[in-house]
Structure formats: C-alpha cells, structure tokens
Amino acid sequence: MIEPAFHFCPRCGGNLIITQHEGESMQMCESCHHILYKNQNATVSGIVIHDHQMLCVRRGREPQKGMLDFVGGFVRADEKPALAIVRETEEELGVKSSVIQLFGAYGPSTYPYEGITHYNLDLIYQIRLGSFDLKPQDDVAGFEWIDLAALPYGQMAFPSQNEFLEEVKKGKIHLEEK
C-alpha cells in the first residue's frame, strides 16, 4: 500500500480515510466520498552523448543531494514532455538543446520530498546541446562526462535512471552520438 500523503479532502476539506477501491487501498473523503488517486508524476531526463562520453550532473538539492543524475526534472501540467526536457536543460545547464529521440518510459521511481513520497514516471530522451559551454545552475552542483565504457550502473540518483542504464548494459539500447 502507498502511504497516505494527505489528511484532508482537497474538494471539501473533510477527513480522508483509507478504503478499498477497485482492489486497492486508497484515500477517500468521509464527507463527500471523493477518491484521492495516487498517480505517478511525469518527469523527463536527457541523455547527451559526445566524444564517446555521457553527460551526468551532480544533484545540488535533496532528494539524493550529491548523487549522479541526468539533466531533467518535472513536466509541468500544461507542457509537452519534449519541451520540458529542453526547458530543464536550459534551467540546469544554461544552454539550449533539442530532442533527438525518446528512448522510453521508466519507473516508477520513488521521490521523497518534504515528508511525502512521490512516484514518478521518467521519460528518457536523447538530446543534443546547442553549446558545450555548460554553466551548472538551478539544482545542479556540477557535471561530469563519463566514458561510455565505464557507465555508472546502479549509481544513479533514481531507480528509473538505473533501470535505463541496465537496458544499455544488456544491449537493449545503444548509446551513440547523433
């Protein structure tokens, strides 16, 4: 069961209780019977390949501060995922980018933040940078170019990223500069 994140109904302010709905434990309002569905959040990650190396960033904030990460972040409610990775790349590295391809969807990844565990679905793209004059900003502490022969399997900040790298390791995905 996913632990309850909220105590009051967002619709009427009534108390939320745990109930069985469609075979799952969910939160429901005692007053108006509104069901609070716990869905995954959409996130995006960008893979940059250059000179037989992959770009990774170091997280500058919790969760997982200091861990290796791919450039990326949350997709806004009114935003297309491919535009989200372009926006996130500029926010985090100060450079323009463009999407080459979508590798796939990975997850769910747990994302504990301020006492609430969120569940994310990560759309991982290959992107091309408009410049290699990278300036870490926003929530990025730094960046590293990692040789494709020494990828950080199992060392990434989030399960979805490790899942992606496992597919690379198994030969299901081939990383190359495009």
C-alpha atoms as a PDB file:
ATOM      1  CA  MET A   1       0.000   0.000   0.000  1.00  0.00           C
ATOM      2  CA  ILE A   2       1.159   3.527  -0.761  1.00  0.00           C
ATOM      3  CA  GLU A   3       1.210   5.531   2.453  1.00  0.00           C
ATOM      4  CA  PRO A   4      -1.298   8.378   2.812  1.00  0.00           C
ATOM      5  CA  ALA A   5       0.169  11.759   1.946  1.00  0.00           C
ATOM      6  CA  PHE A   6      -2.756  13.959   2.956  1.00  0.00           C
ATOM      7  CA  HIS A   7      -5.223  14.175   5.826  1.00  0.00           C
ATOM      8  CA  PHE A   8      -7.957  16.403   4.373  1.00  0.00           C
ATOM      9  CA  CYS A   9     -10.029  16.292   1.196  1.00  0.00           C
ATOM     10  CA  PRO A  10      -8.917  18.788  -1.486  1.00  0.00           C
ATOM     11  CA  ARG A  11     -12.546  19.090  -2.609  1.00  0.00           C
ATOM     12  CA  CYS A  12     -14.457  19.763   0.637  1.00  0.00           C
ATOM     13  CA  GLY A  13     -11.895  19.730   3.462  1.00  0.00           C
ATOM     14  CA  GLY A  14     -13.355  16.592   5.094  1.00  0.00           C
ATOM     15  CA  ASN A  15     -11.264  13.889   6.758  1.00  0.00           C
ATOM     16  CA  LEU A  16      -9.635  11.318   4.498  1.00  0.00           C
ATOM     17  CA  ILE A  17      -9.859   7.651   5.420  1.00  0.00           C
ATOM     18  CA  ILE A  18      -8.249   4.555   3.902  1.00  0.00           C
ATOM     19  CA  THR A  19     -10.703   2.395   1.967  1.00  0.00           C
ATOM     20  CA  GLN A  20     -10.653  -0.339  -0.665  1.00  0.00           C
ATOM     21  CA  HIS A  21     -11.476   0.952  -4.150  1.00  0.00           C
ATOM     22  CA  GLU A  22     -11.019  -1.041  -7.363  1.00  0.00           C
ATOM     23  CA  GLY A  23      -8.966  -3.607  -5.449  1.00  0.00           C
ATOM     24  CA  GLU A  24      -6.532  -1.072  -3.983  1.00  0.00           C
ATOM     25  CA  SER A  25      -6.169   0.795  -0.713  1.00  0.00           C
ATOM     26  CA  MET A  26      -6.899   4.447  -1.404  1.00  0.00           C
ATOM     27  CA  GLN A  27      -7.787   7.582   0.461  1.00  0.00           C
ATOM     28  CA  MET A  28     -11.442   8.637   0.383  1.00  0.00           C
ATOM     29  CA  CYS A  29     -13.228  11.587   1.944  1.00  0.00           C
ATOM     30  CA  GLU A  30     -15.614  10.624   4.744  1.00  0.00           C
ATOM     31  CA  SER A  31     -17.903  13.546   3.830  1.00  0.00           C
ATOM     32  CA  CYS A  32     -18.155  13.777   0.036  1.00  0.00           C
ATOM     33  CA  HIS A  33     -16.689  10.329  -0.849  1.00  0.00           C
ATOM     34  CA  HIS A  34     -14.143  11.873  -3.222  1.00  0.00           C
ATOM     35  CA  ILE A  35     -11.406   9.320  -4.033  1.00  0.00           C
ATOM     36  CA  LEU A  36      -7.868  10.678  -3.895  1.00  0.00           C
ATOM     37  CA  TYR A  37      -5.981   8.767  -6.602  1.00  0.00           C
ATOM     38  CA  LYS A  38      -2.228   8.463  -6.127  1.00  0.00           C
ATOM     39  CA  ASN A  39      -0.845   8.720  -9.667  1.00  0.00           C
ATOM     40  CA  GLN A  40       2.687   8.948 -10.971  1.00  0.00           C
ATOM     41  CA  ASN A  41       4.156  12.341 -11.851  1.00  0.00           C
ATOM     42  CA  ALA A  42       5.730  12.787 -15.278  1.00  0.00           C
ATOM     43  CA  THR A  43       9.440  13.576 -15.279  1.00  0.00           C
ATOM     44  CA  VAL A  44      11.971  13.885 -18.086  1.00  0.00           C
ATOM     45  CA  SER A  45      15.666  13.053 -18.301  1.00  0.00           C
ATOM     46  CA  GLY A  46      18.108  13.988 -21.044  1.00  0.00           C
ATOM     47  CA  ILE A  47      20.953  11.797 -22.265  1.00  0.00           C
ATOM     48  CA  VAL A  48      23.771  13.673 -24.005  1.00  0.00           C
ATOM     49  CA  ILE A  49      26.430  11.641 -25.818  1.00  0.00           C
ATOM     50  CA  HIS A  50      29.576  13.421 -27.031  1.00  0.00           C
ATOM     51  CA  ASP A  51      33.043  12.053 -27.885  1.00  0.00           C
ATOM     52  CA  HIS A  52      32.141   8.577 -26.559  1.00  0.00           C
ATOM     53  CA  GLN A  53      31.052  10.050 -23.233  1.00  0.00           C
ATOM     54  CA  MET A  54      27.717  10.576 -21.492  1.00  0.00           C
ATOM     55  CA  LEU A  55      26.866  13.729 -19.570  1.00  0.00           C
ATOM     56  CA  CYS A  56      25.801  13.325 -15.935  1.00  0.00           C
ATOM     57  CA  VAL A  57      25.089  16.040 -13.405  1.00  0.00           C
ATOM     58  CA  ARG A  58      25.536  16.067  -9.625  1.00  0.00           C
ATOM     59  CA  ARG A  59      22.401  16.880  -7.679  1.00  0.00           C
ATOM     60  CA  GLY A  60      22.678  20.107  -5.717  1.00  0.00           C
ATOM     61  CA  ARG A  61      19.473  19.575  -3.720  1.00  0.00           C
ATOM     62  CA  GLU A  62      17.592  16.876  -1.883  1.00  0.00           C
ATOM     63  CA  PRO A  63      16.435  14.304  -2.544  1.00  0.00           C
ATOM     64  CA  GLN A  64      19.654  12.447  -3.299  1.00  0.00           C
ATOM     65  CA  LYS A  65      21.880  15.536  -2.997  1.00  0.00           C
ATOM     66  CA  GLY A  66      25.369  14.824  -4.359  1.00  0.00           C
ATOM     67  CA  MET A  67      24.303  11.780  -6.383  1.00  0.00           C
ATOM     68  CA  LEU A  68      24.759  11.364 -10.131  1.00  0.00           C
ATOM     69  CA  ASP A  69      21.695  12.325 -12.152  1.00  0.00           C
ATOM     70  CA  PHE A  70      20.698  13.027 -15.718  1.00  0.00           C
ATOM     71  CA  VAL A  71      19.711  16.565 -16.616  1.00  0.00           C
ATOM     72  CA  GLY A  72      15.935  16.862 -16.270  1.00  0.00           C
ATOM     73  CA  GLY A  73      13.001  17.425 -13.986  1.00  0.00           C
ATOM     74  CA  PHE A  74       9.240  17.552 -13.712  1.00  0.00           C
ATOM     75  CA  VAL A  75       6.882  18.096 -16.636  1.00  0.00           C
ATOM     76  CA  ARG A  76       4.527  20.988 -15.945  1.00  0.00           C
ATOM     77  CA  ALA A  77       0.786  20.312 -16.149  1.00  0.00           C
ATOM     78  CA  ASP A  78       0.373  22.223 -19.436  1.00  0.00           C
ATOM     79  CA  GLU A  79       3.694  21.223 -21.024  1.00  0.00           C
ATOM     80  CA  LYS A  80       4.657  18.643 -23.626  1.00  0.00           C
ATOM     81  CA  PRO A  81       7.391  16.321 -22.290  1.00  0.00           C
ATOM     82  CA  ALA A  82       9.765  17.015 -25.213  1.00  0.00           C
ATOM     83  CA  LEU A  83       9.553  20.738 -24.436  1.00  0.00           C
ATOM     84  CA  ALA A  84      10.061  20.039 -20.727  1.00  0.00           C
ATOM     85  CA  ILE A  85      13.482  18.449 -21.292  1.00  0.00           C
ATOM     86  CA  VAL A  86      14.533  21.424 -23.441  1.00  0.00           C
ATOM     87  CA  ARG A  87      13.383  23.831 -20.684  1.00  0.00           C
ATOM     88  CA  GLU A  88      15.033  21.798 -17.906  1.00  0.00           C
ATOM     89  CA  THR A  89      18.344  21.612 -19.800  1.00  0.00           C
ATOM     90  CA  GLU A  90      18.429  25.386 -20.152  1.00  0.00           C
ATOM     91  CA  GLU A  91      17.446  25.895 -16.497  1.00  0.00           C
ATOM     92  CA  GLU A  92      20.050  23.444 -15.190  1.00  0.00           C
ATOM     93  CA  LEU A  93      22.979  23.936 -17.588  1.00  0.00           C
ATOM     94  CA  GLY A  94      22.353  27.335 -19.182  1.00  0.00           C
ATOM     95  CA  VAL A  95      22.363  26.022 -22.763  1.00  0.00           C
ATOM     96  CA  LYS A  96      19.796  25.414 -25.466  1.00  0.00           C
ATOM     97  CA  SER A  97      19.103  21.854 -26.555  1.00  0.00           C
ATOM     98  CA  SER A  98      16.998  19.849 -28.958  1.00  0.00           C
ATOM     99  CA  VAL A  99      15.434  16.405 -28.765  1.00  0.00           C
ATOM    100  CA  ILE A 100      16.910  13.641 -30.922  1.00  0.00           C
ATOM    101  CA  GLN A 101      14.784  10.694 -29.787  1.00  0.00           C
ATOM    102  CA  LEU A 102      12.735   9.232 -26.958  1.00  0.00           C
ATOM    103  CA  PHE A 103      14.416   6.140 -25.503  1.00  0.00           C
ATOM    104  CA  GLY A 104      11.408   5.145 -23.413  1.00  0.00           C
ATOM    105  CA  ALA A 105       9.443   5.438 -20.180  1.00  0.00           C
ATOM    106  CA  TYR A 106      10.932   4.110 -16.936  1.00  0.00           C
ATOM    107  CA  GLY A 107       9.643   3.799 -13.411  1.00  0.00           C
ATOM    108  CA  PRO A 108       8.044   4.201 -11.098  1.00  0.00           C
ATOM    109  CA  SER A 109      10.795   5.950  -9.174  1.00  0.00           C
ATOM    110  CA  THR A 110      10.260   6.998  -5.593  1.00  0.00           C
ATOM    111  CA  TYR A 111      10.962  10.654  -4.904  1.00  0.00           C
ATOM    112  CA  PRO A 112      10.814  11.508  -1.192  1.00  0.00           C
ATOM    113  CA  TYR A 113      10.383  15.256  -0.786  1.00  0.00           C
ATOM    114  CA  GLU A 114       9.477  17.223   2.332  1.00  0.00           C
ATOM    115  CA  GLY A 115       7.966  14.229   4.093  1.00  0.00           C
ATOM    116  CA  ILE A 116       5.876  12.996   1.159  1.00  0.00           C
ATOM    117  CA  THR A 117       6.894  10.136  -1.122  1.00  0.00           C
ATOM    118  CA  HIS A 118       6.057  10.905  -4.745  1.00  0.00           C
ATOM    119  CA  TYR A 119       6.095   8.316  -7.531  1.00  0.00           C
ATOM    120  CA  ASN A 120       7.496   9.397 -10.877  1.00  0.00           C
ATOM    121  CA  LEU A 121       7.382   8.066 -14.419  1.00  0.00           C
ATOM    122  CA  ASP A 122      10.573   9.147 -16.202  1.00  0.00           C
ATOM    123  CA  LEU A 123      10.579   9.776 -19.953  1.00  0.00           C
ATOM    124  CA  ILE A 124      14.204   9.492 -21.053  1.00  0.00           C
ATOM    125  CA  TYR A 125      15.268  11.351 -24.190  1.00  0.00           C
ATOM    126  CA  GLN A 126      18.482  11.645 -26.123  1.00  0.00           C
ATOM    127  CA  ILE A 127      19.170  15.336 -26.574  1.00  0.00           C
ATOM    128  CA  ARG A 128      21.691  17.467 -28.450  1.00  0.00           C
ATOM    129  CA  LEU A 129      23.229  20.508 -26.777  1.00  0.00           C
ATOM    130  CA  GLY A 130      23.452  23.801 -28.651  1.00  0.00           C
ATOM    131  CA  SER A 131      26.724  24.564 -26.854  1.00  0.00           C
ATOM    132  CA  PHE A 132      29.170  22.755 -24.595  1.00  0.00           C
ATOM    133  CA  ASP A 133      29.762  25.897 -22.517  1.00  0.00           C
ATOM    134  CA  LEU A 134      27.867  24.402 -19.576  1.00  0.00           C
ATOM    135  CA  LYS A 135      27.087  26.538 -16.528  1.00  0.00           C
ATOM    136  CA  PRO A 136      25.550  24.482 -13.706  1.00  0.00           C
ATOM    137  CA  GLN A 137      22.670  26.338 -12.101  1.00  0.00           C
ATOM    138  CA  ASP A 138      19.250  25.756 -10.567  1.00  0.00           C
ATOM    139  CA  ASP A 139      19.535  22.464  -8.637  1.00  0.00           C
ATOM    140  CA  VAL A 140      22.764  21.186 -10.267  1.00  0.00           C
ATOM    141  CA  ALA A 141      26.003  21.229  -8.229  1.00  0.00           C
ATOM    142  CA  GLY A 142      28.235  20.214 -11.142  1.00  0.00           C
ATOM    143  CA  PHE A 143      28.585  17.916 -14.131  1.00  0.00           C
ATOM    144  CA  GLU A 144      30.773  15.062 -15.322  1.00  0.00           C
ATOM    145  CA  TRP A 145      31.471  13.446 -18.676  1.00  0.00           C
ATOM    146  CA  ILE A 146      31.539   9.675 -18.132  1.00  0.00           C
ATOM    147  CA  ASP A 147      33.150   7.329 -20.640  1.00  0.00           C
ATOM    148  CA  LEU A 148      30.626   5.017 -22.303  1.00  0.00           C
ATOM    149  CA  ALA A 149      32.851   2.063 -21.374  1.00  0.00           C
ATOM    150  CA  ALA A 150      32.516   2.944 -17.661  1.00  0.00           C
ATOM    151  CA  LEU A 151      28.864   3.889 -17.205  1.00  0.00           C
ATOM    152  CA  PRO A 152      27.710   4.252 -13.565  1.00  0.00           C
ATOM    153  CA  TYR A 153      25.433   1.208 -13.454  1.00  0.00           C
ATOM    154  CA  GLY A 154      23.430   1.194 -10.209  1.00  0.00           C
ATOM    155  CA  GLN A 155      24.935   4.507  -9.068  1.00  0.00           C
ATOM    156  CA  MET A 156      22.343   6.984 -10.309  1.00  0.00           C
ATOM    157  CA  ALA A 157      20.081   9.036  -8.029  1.00  0.00           C
ATOM    158  CA  PHE A 158      16.802   7.410  -9.058  1.00  0.00           C
ATOM    159  CA  PRO A 159      15.633   3.865  -9.881  1.00  0.00           C
ATOM    160  CA  SER A 160      14.340   4.877 -13.330  1.00  0.00           C
ATOM    161  CA  GLN A 161      17.822   6.016 -14.348  1.00  0.00           C
ATOM    162  CA  ASN A 162      19.413   2.799 -13.105  1.00  0.00           C
ATOM    163  CA  GLU A 163      16.706   0.858 -14.974  1.00  0.00           C
ATOM    164  CA  PHE A 164      17.630   2.741 -18.164  1.00  0.00           C
ATOM    165  CA  LEU A 165      21.349   2.034 -17.717  1.00  0.00           C
ATOM    166  CA  GLU A 166      20.580  -1.663 -17.134  1.00  0.00           C
ATOM    167  CA  GLU A 167      18.937  -1.740 -20.574  1.00  0.00           C
ATOM    168  CA  VAL A 168      22.095  -0.153 -22.000  1.00  0.00           C
ATOM    169  CA  LYS A 169      24.227  -2.756 -20.202  1.00  0.00           C
ATOM    170  CA  LYS A 170      22.092  -5.601 -21.598  1.00  0.00           C
ATOM    171  CA  GLY A 171      22.439  -4.202 -25.125  1.00  0.00           C
ATOM    172  CA  LYS A 172      18.756  -3.280 -25.478  1.00  0.00           C
ATOM    173  CA  ILE A 173      19.731   0.365 -26.006  1.00  0.00           C
ATOM    174  CA  HIS A 174      22.800   1.517 -27.902  1.00  0.00           C
ATOM    175  CA  LEU A 175      24.219   4.910 -26.932  1.00  0.00           C
ATOM    176  CA  GLU A 176      25.913   6.849 -29.698  1.00  0.00           C
ATOM    177  CA  GLU A 177      26.379  10.455 -30.661  1.00  0.00           C
ATOM    178  CA  LYS A 178      23.824  11.682 -33.181  1.00  0.00           C
END
